[in-house]
Amino acid sequence: MIPNPAITEAFEDWLKAQILQLSVDTLKSNAVTCTACGEILGTYIIDYKGDRFRLSLEQAYAFLKFIQEN
């Protein structure tokens, strides 16, 4: 079964908004997120504690939540 494209698009929009908010919230933890990269390259680049991560939309959300909660 193929999901309804409107639901999928709404979920992706919500997820992008969450990543944008989390990237602001995690700045105090020295995490810098390239939110434009997700729009241009399809992945997000997150610099955190001297390491650089290139993550998918879903992985970026999870990683930023991890940083926020730890």
PDB file of N, CA and C in Angstrom:
ATOM      1  N   MET A   1       0.836  -1.182   0.000  1.00  0.00           N
ATOM      2  CA  MET A   1       0.000   0.000   0.000  1.00  0.00           C
ATOM      3  C   MET A   1       0.881   1.245   0.000  1.00  0.00           C
ATOM      4  N   ILE A   2       0.587   2.183  -0.848  1.00  0.00           N
ATOM      5  CA  ILE A   2       1.336   3.429  -0.959  1.00  0.00           C
ATOM      6  C   ILE A   2       0.663   4.487  -0.083  1.00  0.00           C
ATOM      7  N   PRO A   3       1.450   5.126   0.806  1.00  0.00           N
ATOM      8  CA  PRO A   3       0.869   6.158   1.672  1.00  0.00           C
ATOM      9  C   PRO A   3       0.352   7.362   0.869  1.00  0.00           C
ATOM     10  N   ASN A   4      -0.605   8.028   1.442  1.00  0.00           N
ATOM     11  CA  ASN A   4      -1.164   9.240   0.847  1.00  0.00           C
ATOM     12  C   ASN A   4      -0.049  10.293   0.754  1.00  0.00           C
ATOM     13  N   PRO A   5       0.247  10.806  -0.458  1.00  0.00           N
ATOM     14  CA  PRO A   5       1.323  11.789  -0.615  1.00  0.00           C
ATOM     15  C   PRO A   5       1.127  13.049   0.224  1.00  0.00           C
ATOM     16  N   ALA A   6      -0.116  13.457   0.449  1.00  0.00           N
ATOM     17  CA  ALA A   6      -0.368  14.653   1.257  1.00  0.00           C
ATOM     18  C   ALA A   6       0.083  14.438   2.702  1.00  0.00           C
ATOM     19  N   ILE A   7      -0.147  13.236   3.214  1.00  0.00           N
ATOM     20  CA  ILE A   7       0.276  12.931   4.583  1.00  0.00           C
ATOM     21  C   ILE A   7       1.795  12.867   4.659  1.00  0.00           C
ATOM     22  N   THR A   8       2.395  12.235   3.682  1.00  0.00           N
ATOM     23  CA  THR A   8       3.852  12.132   3.650  1.00  0.00           C
ATOM     24  C   THR A   8       4.494  13.512   3.571  1.00  0.00           C
ATOM     25  N   GLU A   9       3.964  14.376   2.727  1.00  0.00           N
ATOM     26  CA  GLU A   9       4.500  15.731   2.590  1.00  0.00           C
ATOM     27  C   GLU A   9       4.304  16.536   3.869  1.00  0.00           C
ATOM     28  N   ALA A  10       3.137  16.417   4.488  1.00  0.00           N
ATOM     29  CA  ALA A  10       2.877  17.126   5.743  1.00  0.00           C
ATOM     30  C   ALA A  10       3.832  16.652   6.837  1.00  0.00           C
ATOM     31  N   PHE A  11       4.100  15.342   6.888  1.00  0.00           N
ATOM     32  CA  PHE A  11       5.029  14.807   7.878  1.00  0.00           C
ATOM     33  C   PHE A  11       6.440  15.335   7.630  1.00  0.00           C
ATOM     34  N   GLU A  12       6.889  15.347   6.389  1.00  0.00           N
ATOM     35  CA  GLU A  12       8.222  15.856   6.080  1.00  0.00           C
ATOM     36  C   GLU A  12       8.349  17.341   6.412  1.00  0.00           C
ATOM     37  N   ASP A  13       7.317  18.110   6.139  1.00  0.00           N
ATOM     38  CA  ASP A  13       7.328  19.534   6.501  1.00  0.00           C
ATOM     39  C   ASP A  13       7.430  19.706   8.009  1.00  0.00           C
ATOM     40  N   TRP A  14       6.673  18.908   8.752  1.00  0.00           N
ATOM     41  CA  TRP A  14       6.713  18.957  10.210  1.00  0.00           C
ATOM     42  C   TRP A  14       8.112  18.583  10.708  1.00  0.00           C
ATOM     43  N   LEU A  15       8.679  17.531  10.128  1.00  0.00           N
ATOM     44  CA  LEU A  15      10.003  17.066  10.540  1.00  0.00           C
ATOM     45  C   LEU A  15      11.066  18.127  10.273  1.00  0.00           C
ATOM     46  N   LYS A  16      10.997  18.795   9.129  1.00  0.00           N
ATOM     47  CA  LYS A  16      11.942  19.869   8.820  1.00  0.00           C
ATOM     48  C   LYS A  16      11.803  21.022   9.813  1.00  0.00           C
ATOM     49  N   ALA A  17      10.584  21.348  10.184  1.00  0.00           N
ATOM     50  CA  ALA A  17      10.362  22.410  11.172  1.00  0.00           C
ATOM     51  C   ALA A  17      10.933  22.012  12.531  1.00  0.00           C
ATOM     52  N   GLN A  18      10.781  20.743  12.888  1.00  0.00           N
ATOM     53  CA  GLN A  18      11.333  20.256  14.156  1.00  0.00           C
ATOM     54  C   GLN A  18      12.850  20.335  14.148  1.00  0.00           C
ATOM     55  N   ILE A  19      13.480  19.968  13.032  1.00  0.00           N
ATOM     56  CA  ILE A  19      14.933  20.033  12.922  1.00  0.00           C
ATOM     57  C   ILE A  19      15.398  21.479  13.039  1.00  0.00           C
ATOM     58  N   LEU A  20      14.691  22.380  12.406  1.00  0.00           N
ATOM     59  CA  LEU A  20      15.050  23.795  12.500  1.00  0.00           C
ATOM     60  C   LEU A  20      15.007  24.269  13.950  1.00  0.00           C
ATOM     61  N   GLN A  21      13.943  23.918  14.671  1.00  0.00           N
ATOM     62  CA  GLN A  21      13.837  24.319  16.074  1.00  0.00           C
ATOM     63  C   GLN A  21      14.894  23.643  16.929  1.00  0.00           C
ATOM     64  N   LEU A  22      15.122  22.360  16.704  1.00  0.00           N
ATOM     65  CA  LEU A  22      16.145  21.648  17.473  1.00  0.00           C
ATOM     66  C   LEU A  22      17.539  22.191  17.209  1.00  0.00           C
ATOM     67  N   SER A  23      17.791  22.610  15.968  1.00  0.00           N
ATOM     68  CA  SER A  23      19.119  23.150  15.667  1.00  0.00           C
ATOM     69  C   SER A  23      19.362  24.444  16.436  1.00  0.00           C
ATOM     70  N   VAL A  24      18.315  25.215  16.674  1.00  0.00           N
ATOM     71  CA  VAL A  24      18.444  26.416  17.504  1.00  0.00           C
ATOM     72  C   VAL A  24      18.621  26.012  18.969  1.00  0.00           C
ATOM     73  N   ASP A  25      17.813  25.068  19.419  1.00  0.00           N
ATOM     74  CA  ASP A  25      17.865  24.629  20.822  1.00  0.00           C
ATOM     75  C   ASP A  25      19.206  23.997  21.188  1.00  0.00           C
ATOM     76  N   THR A  26      19.861  23.324  20.235  1.00  0.00           N
ATOM     77  CA  THR A  26      21.102  22.606  20.561  1.00  0.00           C
ATOM     78  C   THR A  26      22.357  23.444  20.340  1.00  0.00           C
ATOM     79  N   LEU A  27      22.204  24.686  19.913  1.00  0.00           N
ATOM     80  CA  LEU A  27      23.383  25.551  19.771  1.00  0.00           C
ATOM     81  C   LEU A  27      24.145  25.677  21.085  1.00  0.00           C
ATOM     82  N   LYS A  28      23.429  25.701  22.196  1.00  0.00           N
ATOM     83  CA  LYS A  28      24.083  25.832  23.505  1.00  0.00           C
ATOM     84  C   LYS A  28      24.938  24.605  23.835  1.00  0.00           C
ATOM     85  N   SER A  29      24.714  23.499  23.130  1.00  0.00           N
ATOM     86  CA  SER A  29      25.512  22.290  23.317  1.00  0.00           C
ATOM     87  C   SER A  29      26.634  22.209  22.293  1.00  0.00           C
ATOM     88  N   ASN A  30      26.901  23.327  21.625  1.00  0.00           N
ATOM     89  CA  ASN A  30      27.935  23.406  20.594  1.00  0.00           C
ATOM     90  C   ASN A  30      27.651  22.509  19.397  1.00  0.00           C
ATOM     91  N   ALA A  31      26.389  22.370  19.061  1.00  0.00           N
ATOM     92  CA  ALA A  31      26.003  21.644  17.849  1.00  0.00           C
ATOM     93  C   ALA A  31      25.566  22.677  16.818  1.00  0.00           C
ATOM     94  N   VAL A  32      26.189  22.634  15.662  1.00  0.00           N
ATOM     95  CA  VAL A  32      25.856  23.563  14.584  1.00  0.00           C
ATOM     96  C   VAL A  32      25.303  22.743  13.436  1.00  0.00           C
ATOM     97  N   THR A  33      24.100  23.087  12.996  1.00  0.00           N
ATOM     98  CA  THR A  33      23.421  22.330  11.954  1.00  0.00           C
ATOM     99  C   THR A  33      23.266  23.179  10.704  1.00  0.00           C
ATOM    100  N   CYS A  34      23.612  22.592   9.570  1.00  0.00           N
ATOM    101  CA  CYS A  34      23.368  23.252   8.290  1.00  0.00           C
ATOM    102  C   CYS A  34      21.962  22.861   7.845  1.00  0.00           C
ATOM    103  N   THR A  35      20.999  23.720   8.140  1.00  0.00           N
ATOM    104  CA  THR A  35      19.617  23.400   7.763  1.00  0.00           C
ATOM    105  C   THR A  35      19.379  23.621   6.279  1.00  0.00           C
ATOM    106  N   ALA A  36      20.170  24.462   5.629  1.00  0.00           N
ATOM    107  CA  ALA A  36      20.036  24.647   4.182  1.00  0.00           C
ATOM    108  C   ALA A  36      20.486  23.400   3.437  1.00  0.00           C
ATOM    109  N   CYS A  37      21.397  22.652   4.025  1.00  0.00           N
ATOM    110  CA  CYS A  37      21.904  21.444   3.364  1.00  0.00           C
ATOM    111  C   CYS A  37      20.793  20.438   3.124  1.00  0.00           C
ATOM    112  N   GLY A  38      19.862  20.327   4.044  1.00  0.00           N
ATOM    113  CA  GLY A  38      18.756  19.398   3.874  1.00  0.00           C
ATOM    114  C   GLY A  38      17.912  19.745   2.669  1.00  0.00           C
ATOM    115  N   GLU A  39      17.768  21.021   2.394  1.00  0.00           N
ATOM    116  CA  GLU A  39      16.979  21.469   1.253  1.00  0.00           C
ATOM    117  C   GLU A  39      17.743  21.311  -0.061  1.00  0.00           C
ATOM    118  N   ILE A  40      19.048  21.516  -0.021  1.00  0.00           N
ATOM    119  CA  ILE A  40      19.844  21.528  -1.249  1.00  0.00           C
ATOM    120  C   ILE A  40      20.419  20.147  -1.562  1.00  0.00           C
ATOM    121  N   LEU A  41      21.033  19.516  -0.587  1.00  0.00           N
ATOM    122  CA  LEU A  41      21.736  18.262  -0.812  1.00  0.00           C
ATOM    123  C   LEU A  41      20.962  17.036  -0.349  1.00  0.00           C
ATOM    124  N   GLY A  42      19.866  17.225   0.377  1.00  0.00           N
ATOM    125  CA  GLY A  42      19.079  16.100   0.858  1.00  0.00           C
ATOM    126  C   GLY A  42      19.560  15.512   2.169  1.00  0.00           C
ATOM    127  N   THR A  43      20.673  16.026   2.685  1.00  0.00           N
ATOM    128  CA  THR A  43      21.161  15.571   3.983  1.00  0.00           C
ATOM    129  C   THR A  43      21.484  16.794   4.833  1.00  0.00           C
ATOM    130  N   TYR A  44      21.563  16.581   6.122  1.00  0.00           N
ATOM    131  CA  TYR A  44      21.913  17.647   7.051  1.00  0.00           C
ATOM    132  C   TYR A  44      23.333  17.407   7.535  1.00  0.00           C
ATOM    133  N   ILE A  45      24.081  18.488   7.663  1.00  0.00           N
ATOM    134  CA  ILE A  45      25.429  18.398   8.202  1.00  0.00           C
ATOM    135  C   ILE A  45      25.386  18.993   9.602  1.00  0.00           C
ATOM    136  N   ILE A  46      25.824  18.201  10.570  1.00  0.00           N
ATOM    137  CA  ILE A  46      25.831  18.639  11.958  1.00  0.00           C
ATOM    138  C   ILE A  46      27.251  18.536  12.484  1.00  0.00           C
ATOM    139  N   ASP A  47      27.797  19.664  12.940  1.00  0.00           N
ATOM    140  CA  ASP A  47      29.093  19.684  13.614  1.00  0.00           C
ATOM    141  C   ASP A  47      28.818  19.633  15.105  1.00  0.00           C
ATOM    142  N   TYR A  48      29.387  18.626  15.761  1.00  0.00           N
ATOM    143  CA  TYR A  48      29.143  18.458  17.191  1.00  0.00           C
ATOM    144  C   TYR A  48      30.416  17.968  17.863  1.00  0.00           C
ATOM    145  N   LYS A  49      30.908  18.766  18.780  1.00  0.00           N
ATOM    146  CA  LYS A  49      32.097  18.429  19.570  1.00  0.00           C
ATOM    147  C   LYS A  49      33.275  18.012  18.695  1.00  0.00           C
ATOM    148  N   GLY A  50      33.495  18.757  17.625  1.00  0.00           N
ATOM    149  CA  GLY A  50      34.644  18.500  16.766  1.00  0.00           C
ATOM    150  C   GLY A  50      34.438  17.433  15.707  1.00  0.00           C
ATOM    151  N   ASP A  51      33.291  16.795  15.696  1.00  0.00           N
ATOM    152  CA  ASP A  51      32.990  15.780  14.687  1.00  0.00           C
ATOM    153  C   ASP A  51      31.928  16.307  13.739  1.00  0.00           C
ATOM    154  N   ARG A  52      31.992  15.875  12.494  1.00  0.00           N
ATOM    155  CA  ARG A  52      31.012  16.292  11.496  1.00  0.00           C
ATOM    156  C   ARG A  52      30.208  15.064  11.063  1.00  0.00           C
ATOM    157  N   PHE A  53      28.894  15.217  11.112  1.00  0.00           N
ATOM    158  CA  PHE A  53      27.978  14.147  10.738  1.00  0.00           C
ATOM    159  C   PHE A  53      27.149  14.594   9.539  1.00  0.00           C
ATOM    160  N   ARG A  54      26.985  13.729   8.541  1.00  0.00           N
ATOM    161  CA  ARG A  54      26.102  13.985   7.405  1.00  0.00           C
ATOM    162  C   ARG A  54      24.961  12.974   7.540  1.00  0.00           C
ATOM    163  N   LEU A  55      23.757  13.497   7.830  1.00  0.00           N
ATOM    164  CA  LEU A  55      22.642  12.635   8.207  1.00  0.00           C
ATOM    165  C   LEU A  55      21.407  12.901   7.357  1.00  0.00           C
ATOM    166  N   SER A  56      20.602  11.870   7.205  1.00  0.00           N
ATOM    167  CA  SER A  56      19.316  12.006   6.517  1.00  0.00           C
ATOM    168  C   SER A  56      18.360  12.830   7.379  1.00  0.00           C
ATOM    169  N   LEU A  57      17.241  13.179   6.827  1.00  0.00           N
ATOM    170  CA  LEU A  57      16.216  13.945   7.543  1.00  0.00           C
ATOM    171  C   LEU A  57      15.873  13.285   8.872  1.00  0.00           C
ATOM    172  N   GLU A  58      15.556  12.004   8.817  1.00  0.00           N
ATOM    173  CA  GLU A  58      15.142  11.279  10.026  1.00  0.00           C
ATOM    174  C   GLU A  58      16.291  11.145  11.017  1.00  0.00           C
ATOM    175  N   GLN A  59      17.487  10.847  10.519  1.00  0.00           N
ATOM    176  CA  GLN A  59      18.643  10.704  11.400  1.00  0.00           C
ATOM    177  C   GLN A  59      19.015  12.033  12.052  1.00  0.00           C
ATOM    178  N   ALA A  60      18.911  13.118  11.300  1.00  0.00           N
ATOM    179  CA  ALA A  60      19.227  14.438  11.852  1.00  0.00           C
ATOM    180  C   ALA A  60      18.285  14.768  13.001  1.00  0.00           C
ATOM    181  N   TYR A  61      17.001  14.493  12.820  1.00  0.00           N
ATOM    182  CA  TYR A  61      16.028  14.740  13.892  1.00  0.00           C
ATOM    183  C   TYR A  61      16.402  13.925  15.135  1.00  0.00           C
ATOM    184  N   ALA A  62      16.660  12.639  14.941  1.00  0.00           N
ATOM    185  CA  ALA A  62      16.980  11.764  16.073  1.00  0.00           C
ATOM    186  C   ALA A  62      18.267  12.211  16.768  1.00  0.00           C
ATOM    187  N   PHE A  63      19.278  12.573  15.982  1.00  0.00           N
ATOM    188  CA  PHE A  63      20.567  12.977  16.574  1.00  0.00           C
ATOM    189  C   PHE A  63      20.424  14.281  17.351  1.00  0.00           C
ATOM    190  N   LEU A  64      19.697  15.233  16.811  1.00  0.00           N
ATOM    191  CA  LEU A  64      19.494  16.487  17.534  1.00  0.00           C
ATOM    192  C   LEU A  64      18.686  16.273  18.804  1.00  0.00           C
ATOM    193  N   LYS A  65      17.700  15.372  18.765  1.00  0.00           N
ATOM    194  CA  LYS A  65      16.951  15.031  19.998  1.00  0.00           C
ATOM    195  C   LYS A  65      17.891  14.401  21.018  1.00  0.00           C
ATOM    196  N   PHE A  66      18.787  13.527  20.543  1.00  0.00           N
ATOM    197  CA  PHE A  66      19.769  12.895  21.415  1.00  0.00           C
ATOM    198  C   PHE A  66      20.642  13.939  22.103  1.00  0.00           C
ATOM    199  N   ILE A  67      21.140  14.904  21.311  1.00  0.00           N
ATOM    200  CA  ILE A  67      21.973  15.968  21.877  1.00  0.00           C
ATOM    201  C   ILE A  67      21.166  16.789  22.888  1.00  0.00           C
ATOM    202  N   GLN A  68      19.951  17.130  22.544  1.00  0.00           N
ATOM    203  CA  GLN A  68      19.110  17.943  23.420  1.00  0.00           C
ATOM    204  C   GLN A  68      18.848  17.242  24.749  1.00  0.00           C
ATOM    205  N   GLU A  69      18.666  15.951  24.724  1.00  0.00           N
ATOM    206  CA  GLU A  69      18.275  15.216  25.931  1.00  0.00           C
ATOM    207  C   GLU A  69      19.450  14.736  26.773  1.00  0.00           C
ATOM    208  N   ASN A  70      20.666  14.883  26.251  1.00  0.00           N
ATOM    209  CA  ASN A  70      21.838  14.386  26.996  1.00  0.00           C
ATOM    210  C   ASN A  70      22.758  15.475  27.416  1.00  0.00           C
TER     211      ASN A  70
END
